[in-house]
Amino acid sequence: MMIQKRFLRWTAIAALGLLLTGCASTSVPGAGSDPRDPYENYNRAMFEFNRKVDDNLLKPAATGYVTVLPSFVRTAVGNFFANIGDVWTAVNNYLQGKPKDGTTDVARVVFNSTIGLAGLID
């Protein structure tokens, strides 16, 4: 359960990062004339695009994923991505000066990647 929460959290963070890239531009053609929101036209268009992508692609895919795949397969997918996430946890621990924790994380990744069948089994 913890691994699924971690997977969902990282998926949400990645999706948020992708959505926020639309706000990163400083020069937008056709920007609105309202000084309070000079990017109103762009923001409205981006919001509509994101809504359509969510309604027509992401939500059906997520619903189908839960409907079609049995729970043990979803767990295995969550374990796989959690195993990948543990690589970054190890890097983070080393950068924080926690070599013991980093080494434990590396050992966990190696163990799960080999004996755990590419992280599918935790």
N, C-alpha and C. Protein backbone atom coordinates (compact mmCIF):
# COMPACT_ATOMS: atom_id res chain seq x y z
N MET A 1 0.83 -1.18 0.00
CA MET A 1 0.00 0.00 0.00
C MET A 1 0.88 1.25 0.00
N MET A 2 1.95 1.22 0.77
CA MET A 2 2.86 2.36 0.87
C MET A 2 3.50 2.63 -0.49
N ILE A 3 3.81 1.55 -1.20
CA ILE A 3 4.47 1.70 -2.49
C ILE A 3 3.50 2.30 -3.50
N GLN A 4 2.23 1.92 -3.45
CA GLN A 4 1.25 2.50 -4.36
C GLN A 4 1.07 3.98 -4.07
N LYS A 5 1.08 4.36 -2.81
CA LYS A 5 0.97 5.77 -2.47
C LYS A 5 2.17 6.54 -3.00
N ARG A 6 3.36 5.94 -2.87
CA ARG A 6 4.57 6.59 -3.38
C ARG A 6 4.49 6.74 -4.89
N PHE A 7 4.02 5.68 -5.57
CA PHE A 7 3.88 5.72 -7.03
C PHE A 7 2.89 6.81 -7.44
N LEU A 8 1.74 6.87 -6.75
CA LEU A 8 0.75 7.89 -7.07
C LEU A 8 1.29 9.28 -6.79
N ARG A 9 2.04 9.43 -5.70
CA ARG A 9 2.61 10.73 -5.38
C ARG A 9 3.58 11.19 -6.46
N TRP A 10 4.47 10.29 -6.90
CA TRP A 10 5.43 10.66 -7.93
C TRP A 10 4.75 10.90 -9.27
N THR A 11 3.70 10.17 -9.57
CA THR A 11 2.94 10.40 -10.79
C THR A 11 2.28 11.77 -10.75
N ALA A 12 1.71 12.12 -9.60
CA ALA A 12 1.08 13.43 -9.46
C ALA A 12 2.10 14.54 -9.57
N ILE A 13 3.28 14.36 -8.98
CA ILE A 13 4.33 15.37 -9.06
C ILE A 13 4.79 15.54 -10.51
N ALA A 14 4.96 14.43 -11.22
CA ALA A 14 5.37 14.51 -12.62
C ALA A 14 4.30 15.21 -13.46
N ALA A 15 3.03 14.87 -13.24
CA ALA A 15 1.95 15.51 -13.99
C ALA A 15 1.88 17.00 -13.68
N LEU A 16 2.04 17.36 -12.41
CA LEU A 16 2.05 18.77 -12.03
C LEU A 16 3.21 19.50 -12.69
N GLY A 17 4.38 18.86 -12.72
CA GLY A 17 5.54 19.48 -13.38
C GLY A 17 5.28 19.73 -14.85
N LEU A 18 4.65 18.76 -15.52
CA LEU A 18 4.32 18.95 -16.93
C LEU A 18 3.31 20.07 -17.13
N LEU A 19 2.33 20.14 -16.24
CA LEU A 19 1.33 21.19 -16.37
C LEU A 19 1.92 22.57 -16.09
N LEU A 20 2.86 22.63 -15.16
CA LEU A 20 3.46 23.92 -14.81
C LEU A 20 4.42 24.43 -15.87
N THR A 21 4.88 23.58 -16.77
CA THR A 21 5.76 24.06 -17.82
C THR A 21 5.04 25.06 -18.71
N GLY A 22 3.73 24.98 -18.75
CA GLY A 22 2.96 25.97 -19.51
C GLY A 22 3.04 27.35 -18.90
N CYS A 23 3.36 27.43 -17.61
CA CYS A 23 3.47 28.73 -16.94
C CYS A 23 4.89 29.26 -16.96
N ALA A 24 5.83 28.53 -17.54
CA ALA A 24 7.23 28.91 -17.45
C ALA A 24 7.64 29.90 -18.53
N SER A 25 6.83 30.11 -19.52
CA SER A 25 7.19 30.99 -20.63
C SER A 25 7.04 32.45 -20.22
N THR A 26 7.94 33.30 -20.72
CA THR A 26 7.85 34.73 -20.43
C THR A 26 7.37 35.52 -21.63
N SER A 27 7.31 34.90 -22.79
CA SER A 27 6.89 35.57 -24.00
C SER A 27 5.83 34.73 -24.68
N VAL A 28 4.61 35.25 -24.70
CA VAL A 28 3.51 34.50 -25.28
C VAL A 28 2.87 35.33 -26.38
N PRO A 29 2.84 34.80 -27.60
CA PRO A 29 2.15 35.54 -28.66
C PRO A 29 0.66 35.61 -28.37
N GLY A 30 0.06 36.74 -28.68
CA GLY A 30 -1.38 36.91 -28.47
C GLY A 30 -1.76 37.07 -27.03
N ALA A 31 -0.83 37.58 -26.19
CA ALA A 31 -1.13 37.77 -24.78
C ALA A 31 -2.24 38.81 -24.64
N GLY A 32 -3.06 38.65 -23.59
CA GLY A 32 -4.17 39.57 -23.36
C GLY A 32 -3.70 40.97 -23.02
N SER A 33 -4.62 41.92 -23.10
CA SER A 33 -4.26 43.30 -22.83
C SER A 33 -4.53 43.71 -21.38
N ASP A 34 -5.12 42.84 -20.60
CA ASP A 34 -5.41 43.14 -19.20
C ASP A 34 -4.10 43.13 -18.42
N PRO A 35 -3.70 44.26 -17.81
CA PRO A 35 -2.42 44.29 -17.08
C PRO A 35 -2.41 43.39 -15.85
N ARG A 36 -3.58 43.03 -15.32
CA ARG A 36 -3.61 42.14 -14.17
C ARG A 36 -3.28 40.70 -14.57
N ASP A 37 -3.56 40.34 -15.81
CA ASP A 37 -3.25 39.00 -16.31
C ASP A 37 -2.88 39.09 -17.78
N PRO A 38 -1.65 39.47 -18.06
CA PRO A 38 -1.25 39.64 -19.46
C PRO A 38 -1.23 38.32 -20.24
N TYR A 39 -1.28 37.19 -19.56
CA TYR A 39 -1.25 35.89 -20.23
C TYR A 39 -2.61 35.20 -20.20
N GLU A 40 -3.68 35.98 -20.05
CA GLU A 40 -5.01 35.40 -19.91
C GLU A 40 -5.37 34.50 -21.09
N ASN A 41 -5.15 34.96 -22.31
CA ASN A 41 -5.50 34.15 -23.48
C ASN A 41 -4.76 32.82 -23.47
N TYR A 42 -3.49 32.89 -23.18
CA TYR A 42 -2.67 31.68 -23.13
C TYR A 42 -3.14 30.76 -22.00
N ASN A 43 -3.38 31.32 -20.83
CA ASN A 43 -3.81 30.52 -19.68
C ASN A 43 -5.14 29.82 -19.96
N ARG A 44 -6.06 30.52 -20.57
CA ARG A 44 -7.35 29.91 -20.88
C ARG A 44 -7.20 28.78 -21.90
N ALA A 45 -6.38 29.02 -22.91
CA ALA A 45 -6.15 27.99 -23.93
C ALA A 45 -5.45 26.77 -23.31
N MET A 46 -4.47 26.99 -22.47
CA MET A 46 -3.74 25.90 -21.82
C MET A 46 -4.66 25.12 -20.88
N PHE A 47 -5.50 25.83 -20.14
CA PHE A 47 -6.44 25.17 -19.25
C PHE A 47 -7.38 24.28 -20.04
N GLU A 48 -7.90 24.78 -21.16
CA GLU A 48 -8.82 24.00 -21.98
C GLU A 48 -8.12 22.78 -22.57
N PHE A 49 -6.89 22.95 -23.02
CA PHE A 49 -6.11 21.83 -23.55
C PHE A 49 -5.91 20.77 -22.47
N ASN A 50 -5.49 21.19 -21.29
CA ASN A 50 -5.25 20.25 -20.20
C ASN A 50 -6.53 19.53 -19.79
N ARG A 51 -7.65 20.24 -19.79
CA ARG A 51 -8.92 19.62 -19.44
C ARG A 51 -9.31 18.55 -20.45
N LYS A 52 -9.12 18.86 -21.74
CA LYS A 52 -9.46 17.89 -22.78
C LYS A 52 -8.55 16.67 -22.72
N VAL A 53 -7.26 16.89 -22.48
CA VAL A 53 -6.33 15.75 -22.36
C VAL A 53 -6.74 14.88 -21.17
N ASP A 54 -7.08 15.53 -20.07
CA ASP A 54 -7.48 14.77 -18.88
C ASP A 54 -8.77 13.99 -19.13
N ASP A 55 -9.77 14.65 -19.69
CA ASP A 55 -11.06 14.00 -19.93
C ASP A 55 -10.98 12.88 -20.96
N ASN A 56 -10.22 13.08 -22.03
CA ASN A 56 -10.22 12.16 -23.16
C ASN A 56 -9.10 11.13 -23.15
N LEU A 57 -8.05 11.35 -22.37
CA LEU A 57 -6.91 10.44 -22.41
C LEU A 57 -6.55 9.89 -21.03
N LEU A 58 -6.27 10.78 -20.09
CA LEU A 58 -5.74 10.33 -18.80
C LEU A 58 -6.79 9.62 -17.94
N LYS A 59 -7.98 10.19 -17.84
CA LYS A 59 -9.01 9.57 -16.99
C LYS A 59 -9.43 8.20 -17.54
N PRO A 60 -9.71 8.06 -18.86
CA PRO A 60 -10.04 6.72 -19.36
C PRO A 60 -8.90 5.72 -19.18
N ALA A 61 -7.66 6.18 -19.36
CA ALA A 61 -6.53 5.27 -19.18
C ALA A 61 -6.44 4.80 -17.72
N ALA A 62 -6.61 5.73 -16.79
CA ALA A 62 -6.55 5.36 -15.37
C ALA A 62 -7.70 4.44 -14.99
N THR A 63 -8.89 4.73 -15.49
CA THR A 63 -10.04 3.89 -15.19
C THR A 63 -9.85 2.49 -15.79
N GLY A 64 -9.37 2.44 -17.03
CA GLY A 64 -9.12 1.14 -17.66
C GLY A 64 -8.04 0.36 -16.95
N TYR A 65 -7.00 1.05 -16.49
CA TYR A 65 -5.91 0.42 -15.76
C TYR A 65 -6.43 -0.30 -14.54
N VAL A 66 -7.29 0.37 -13.78
CA VAL A 66 -7.83 -0.23 -12.56
C VAL A 66 -8.84 -1.32 -12.89
N THR A 67 -9.63 -1.12 -13.94
CA THR A 67 -10.67 -2.08 -14.30
C THR A 67 -10.09 -3.36 -14.88
N VAL A 68 -9.11 -3.23 -15.77
CA VAL A 68 -8.61 -4.37 -16.53
C VAL A 68 -7.57 -5.19 -15.77
N LEU A 69 -6.65 -4.51 -15.10
CA LEU A 69 -5.54 -5.23 -14.47
C LEU A 69 -5.90 -5.70 -13.06
N PRO A 70 -5.56 -6.93 -12.74
CA PRO A 70 -5.79 -7.40 -11.37
C PRO A 70 -4.87 -6.68 -10.39
N SER A 71 -5.24 -6.72 -9.14
CA SER A 71 -4.51 -5.96 -8.12
C SER A 71 -3.05 -6.39 -8.01
N PHE A 72 -2.74 -7.69 -8.20
CA PHE A 72 -1.34 -8.11 -8.06
C PHE A 72 -0.48 -7.53 -9.18
N VAL A 73 -1.06 -7.32 -10.35
CA VAL A 73 -0.30 -6.69 -11.44
C VAL A 73 -0.08 -5.22 -11.13
N ARG A 74 -1.11 -4.54 -10.64
CA ARG A 74 -0.95 -3.12 -10.26
C ARG A 74 0.08 -2.99 -9.15
N THR A 75 0.09 -3.93 -8.22
CA THR A 75 1.09 -3.91 -7.15
C THR A 75 2.49 -4.08 -7.72
N ALA A 76 2.64 -5.01 -8.67
CA ALA A 76 3.95 -5.24 -9.29
C ALA A 76 4.42 -3.99 -10.04
N VAL A 77 3.52 -3.32 -10.73
CA VAL A 77 3.89 -2.08 -11.44
C VAL A 77 4.31 -1.01 -10.43
N GLY A 78 3.56 -0.90 -9.34
CA GLY A 78 3.93 0.05 -8.29
C GLY A 78 5.29 -0.28 -7.69
N ASN A 79 5.55 -1.55 -7.47
CA ASN A 79 6.85 -1.97 -6.94
C ASN A 79 7.99 -1.61 -7.89
N PHE A 80 7.75 -1.81 -9.20
CA PHE A 80 8.77 -1.50 -10.19
C PHE A 80 9.15 -0.02 -10.14
N PHE A 81 8.14 0.86 -10.13
CA PHE A 81 8.43 2.29 -10.11
C PHE A 81 8.98 2.74 -8.76
N ALA A 82 8.57 2.10 -7.69
CA ALA A 82 9.13 2.41 -6.37
C ALA A 82 10.61 2.02 -6.33
N ASN A 83 10.96 0.92 -7.00
CA ASN A 83 12.35 0.50 -7.06
C ASN A 83 13.19 1.55 -7.79
N ILE A 84 12.65 2.09 -8.87
CA ILE A 84 13.35 3.16 -9.59
C ILE A 84 13.47 4.39 -8.69
N GLY A 85 12.41 4.69 -7.95
CA GLY A 85 12.44 5.84 -7.04
C GLY A 85 13.47 5.68 -5.95
N ASP A 86 13.76 4.45 -5.56
CA ASP A 86 14.77 4.22 -4.52
C ASP A 86 16.17 4.61 -4.99
N VAL A 87 16.39 4.60 -6.28
CA VAL A 87 17.69 5.06 -6.80
C VAL A 87 17.89 6.52 -6.43
N TRP A 88 16.84 7.32 -6.65
CA TRP A 88 16.95 8.76 -6.33
C TRP A 88 17.00 8.98 -4.83
N THR A 89 16.37 8.11 -4.07
CA THR A 89 16.46 8.20 -2.61
C THR A 89 17.91 7.96 -2.17
N ALA A 90 18.57 7.00 -2.79
CA ALA A 90 19.98 6.73 -2.48
C ALA A 90 20.85 7.93 -2.81
N VAL A 91 20.65 8.50 -4.00
CA VAL A 91 21.42 9.69 -4.39
C VAL A 91 21.17 10.81 -3.39
N ASN A 92 19.93 11.02 -3.02
CA ASN A 92 19.59 12.06 -2.07
C ASN A 92 20.29 11.84 -0.73
N ASN A 93 20.29 10.60 -0.25
CA ASN A 93 20.95 10.31 1.03
C ASN A 93 22.46 10.56 0.95
N TYR A 94 23.08 10.17 -0.16
CA TYR A 94 24.52 10.45 -0.32
C TYR A 94 24.78 11.96 -0.35
N LEU A 95 23.94 12.70 -1.06
CA LEU A 95 24.13 14.16 -1.14
C LEU A 95 23.90 14.84 0.21
N GLN A 96 23.09 14.23 1.06
CA GLN A 96 22.86 14.78 2.40
C GLN A 96 23.93 14.34 3.40
N GLY A 97 24.91 13.58 2.91
CA GLY A 97 25.96 13.12 3.81
C GLY A 97 25.53 11.96 4.69
N LYS A 98 24.64 11.13 4.18
CA LYS A 98 24.17 9.96 4.93
C LYS A 98 24.59 8.70 4.17
N PRO A 99 25.89 8.37 4.20
CA PRO A 99 26.37 7.25 3.40
C PRO A 99 25.78 5.90 3.83
N LYS A 100 25.50 5.74 5.12
CA LYS A 100 24.93 4.46 5.57
C LYS A 100 23.54 4.26 4.97
N ASP A 101 22.70 5.29 5.03
CA ASP A 101 21.36 5.20 4.45
C ASP A 101 21.42 5.03 2.93
N GLY A 102 22.34 5.76 2.29
CA GLY A 102 22.50 5.65 0.84
C GLY A 102 22.92 4.25 0.43
N THR A 103 23.84 3.66 1.18
CA THR A 103 24.29 2.31 0.88
C THR A 103 23.17 1.30 1.10
N THR A 104 22.37 1.50 2.13
CA THR A 104 21.21 0.64 2.36
C THR A 104 20.24 0.72 1.18
N ASP A 105 20.02 1.93 0.69
CA ASP A 105 19.12 2.11 -0.45
C ASP A 105 19.68 1.45 -1.71
N VAL A 106 20.99 1.58 -1.94
CA VAL A 106 21.61 0.94 -3.11
C VAL A 106 21.47 -0.58 -2.99
N ALA A 107 21.71 -1.12 -1.80
CA ALA A 107 21.58 -2.57 -1.60
C ALA A 107 20.14 -3.01 -1.86
N ARG A 108 19.19 -2.21 -1.42
CA ARG A 108 17.78 -2.52 -1.64
C ARG A 108 17.46 -2.56 -3.14
N VAL A 109 17.96 -1.56 -3.88
CA VAL A 109 17.71 -1.51 -5.33
C VAL A 109 18.34 -2.71 -6.02
N VAL A 110 19.58 -3.02 -5.65
CA VAL A 110 20.27 -4.16 -6.27
C VAL A 110 19.52 -5.45 -5.97
N PHE A 111 19.13 -5.63 -4.72
CA PHE A 111 18.41 -6.84 -4.32
C PHE A 111 17.07 -6.95 -5.06
N ASN A 112 16.30 -5.86 -5.07
CA ASN A 112 15.00 -5.89 -5.73
C ASN A 112 15.13 -6.02 -7.25
N SER A 113 16.20 -5.47 -7.82
CA SER A 113 16.36 -5.53 -9.26
C SER A 113 16.80 -6.92 -9.73
N THR A 114 17.45 -7.67 -8.87
CA THR A 114 17.92 -8.99 -9.28
C THR A 114 16.96 -10.08 -8.77
N ILE A 115 16.91 -10.27 -7.48
CA ILE A 115 16.07 -11.31 -6.91
C ILE A 115 14.59 -10.95 -7.02
N GLY A 116 14.30 -9.67 -6.98
CA GLY A 116 12.91 -9.20 -7.07
C GLY A 116 12.42 -9.03 -8.49
N LEU A 117 13.13 -9.59 -9.46
CA LEU A 117 12.70 -9.56 -10.86
C LEU A 117 12.43 -8.13 -11.35
N ALA A 118 13.48 -7.36 -11.45
CA ALA A 118 13.42 -5.97 -11.93
C ALA A 118 12.55 -5.08 -11.04
N GLY A 119 12.45 -5.46 -9.77
CA GLY A 119 11.68 -4.67 -8.83
C GLY A 119 10.21 -5.00 -8.80
N LEU A 120 9.76 -5.97 -9.57
CA LEU A 120 8.33 -6.32 -9.58
C LEU A 120 7.89 -6.92 -8.26
N ILE A 121 8.83 -7.60 -7.57
CA ILE A 121 8.54 -8.17 -6.26
C ILE A 121 9.34 -7.38 -5.24
N ASP A 122 8.66 -6.91 -4.22
CA ASP A 122 9.34 -6.08 -3.21
C ASP A 122 9.64 -6.96 -2.01
